[in-house]
Protein backbone atom coordinates (compact mmCIF):
# COMPACT_ATOMS: atom_id res chain seq x y z
CA MET A 1 45.69 18.34 -13.14
CA VAL A 2 45.68 16.39 -16.40
CA VAL A 3 43.75 17.48 -19.51
CA THR A 4 43.74 15.90 -22.92
CA LYS A 5 43.77 19.13 -24.93
CA LEU A 6 44.16 22.77 -23.99
CA ASP A 7 40.86 23.69 -25.68
CA ARG A 8 39.11 21.38 -23.20
CA PHE A 9 40.71 23.29 -20.33
CA ALA A 10 40.03 26.92 -21.29
CA ARG A 11 37.97 28.91 -23.78
CA SER A 12 40.72 31.36 -24.72
CA SER A 13 44.45 31.89 -24.32
CA LYS A 14 43.82 34.61 -21.77
CA ASP A 15 41.56 32.29 -19.77
CA ALA A 16 44.19 29.52 -19.93
CA ILE A 17 46.98 31.80 -18.72
CA THR A 18 44.86 33.13 -15.86
CA THR A 19 43.83 29.65 -14.75
CA ILE A 20 47.38 28.27 -15.03
CA GLU A 21 48.67 31.15 -12.90
CA LEU A 22 46.01 30.39 -10.27
CA LEU A 23 47.01 26.72 -10.29
CA ASN A 24 50.71 27.62 -10.01
CA ASP A 25 49.96 29.84 -7.01
CA LYS A 26 48.41 26.80 -5.32
CA ASP A 27 51.36 24.54 -6.33
CA VAL A 28 49.18 22.55 -8.73
CA SER A 29 50.80 21.38 -11.96
CA LEU A 30 49.02 21.13 -15.27
CA ILE A 31 49.72 18.39 -17.80
CA VAL A 32 48.33 18.83 -21.31
CA LEU A 33 48.57 15.49 -23.09
CA ASN A 34 48.11 16.76 -26.65
CA MET A 35 49.50 20.20 -27.38
CA GLY A 36 50.21 20.15 -31.09
CA GLY A 37 51.57 16.63 -30.84
CA ASP A 38 53.64 17.43 -27.75
CA ARG A 39 52.97 16.97 -24.06
CA ILE A 40 53.30 19.90 -21.66
CA ASP A 41 53.90 19.49 -17.94
CA THR A 42 54.05 22.79 -16.04
CA SER A 43 56.00 21.17 -13.21
CA THR A 44 59.09 20.83 -15.42
CA ALA A 45 61.46 23.56 -16.55
CA ILE A 46 60.43 23.14 -20.20
CA GLY A 47 56.76 23.15 -19.22
CA LYS A 48 57.25 26.43 -17.36
CA LEU A 49 58.87 27.91 -20.45
CA MET A 50 56.02 26.65 -22.67
CA ASN A 51 53.55 28.21 -20.22
CA CYS A 52 54.88 31.61 -21.32
CA ARG A 53 53.95 30.78 -24.94
CA ILE A 54 50.35 29.69 -24.27
């Protein structure tokens, strides 16, 4: 799943974490194109680490 910004994906950090965990359980990756100037892809090792910070 690709989103432009995290605030377009979820209303709160808790909501984002819950939804990302549900996606991970279904083997669906999330790509956030603009996360403070960086790009996050939860299918990569760095993206999985960043997922813990969201």
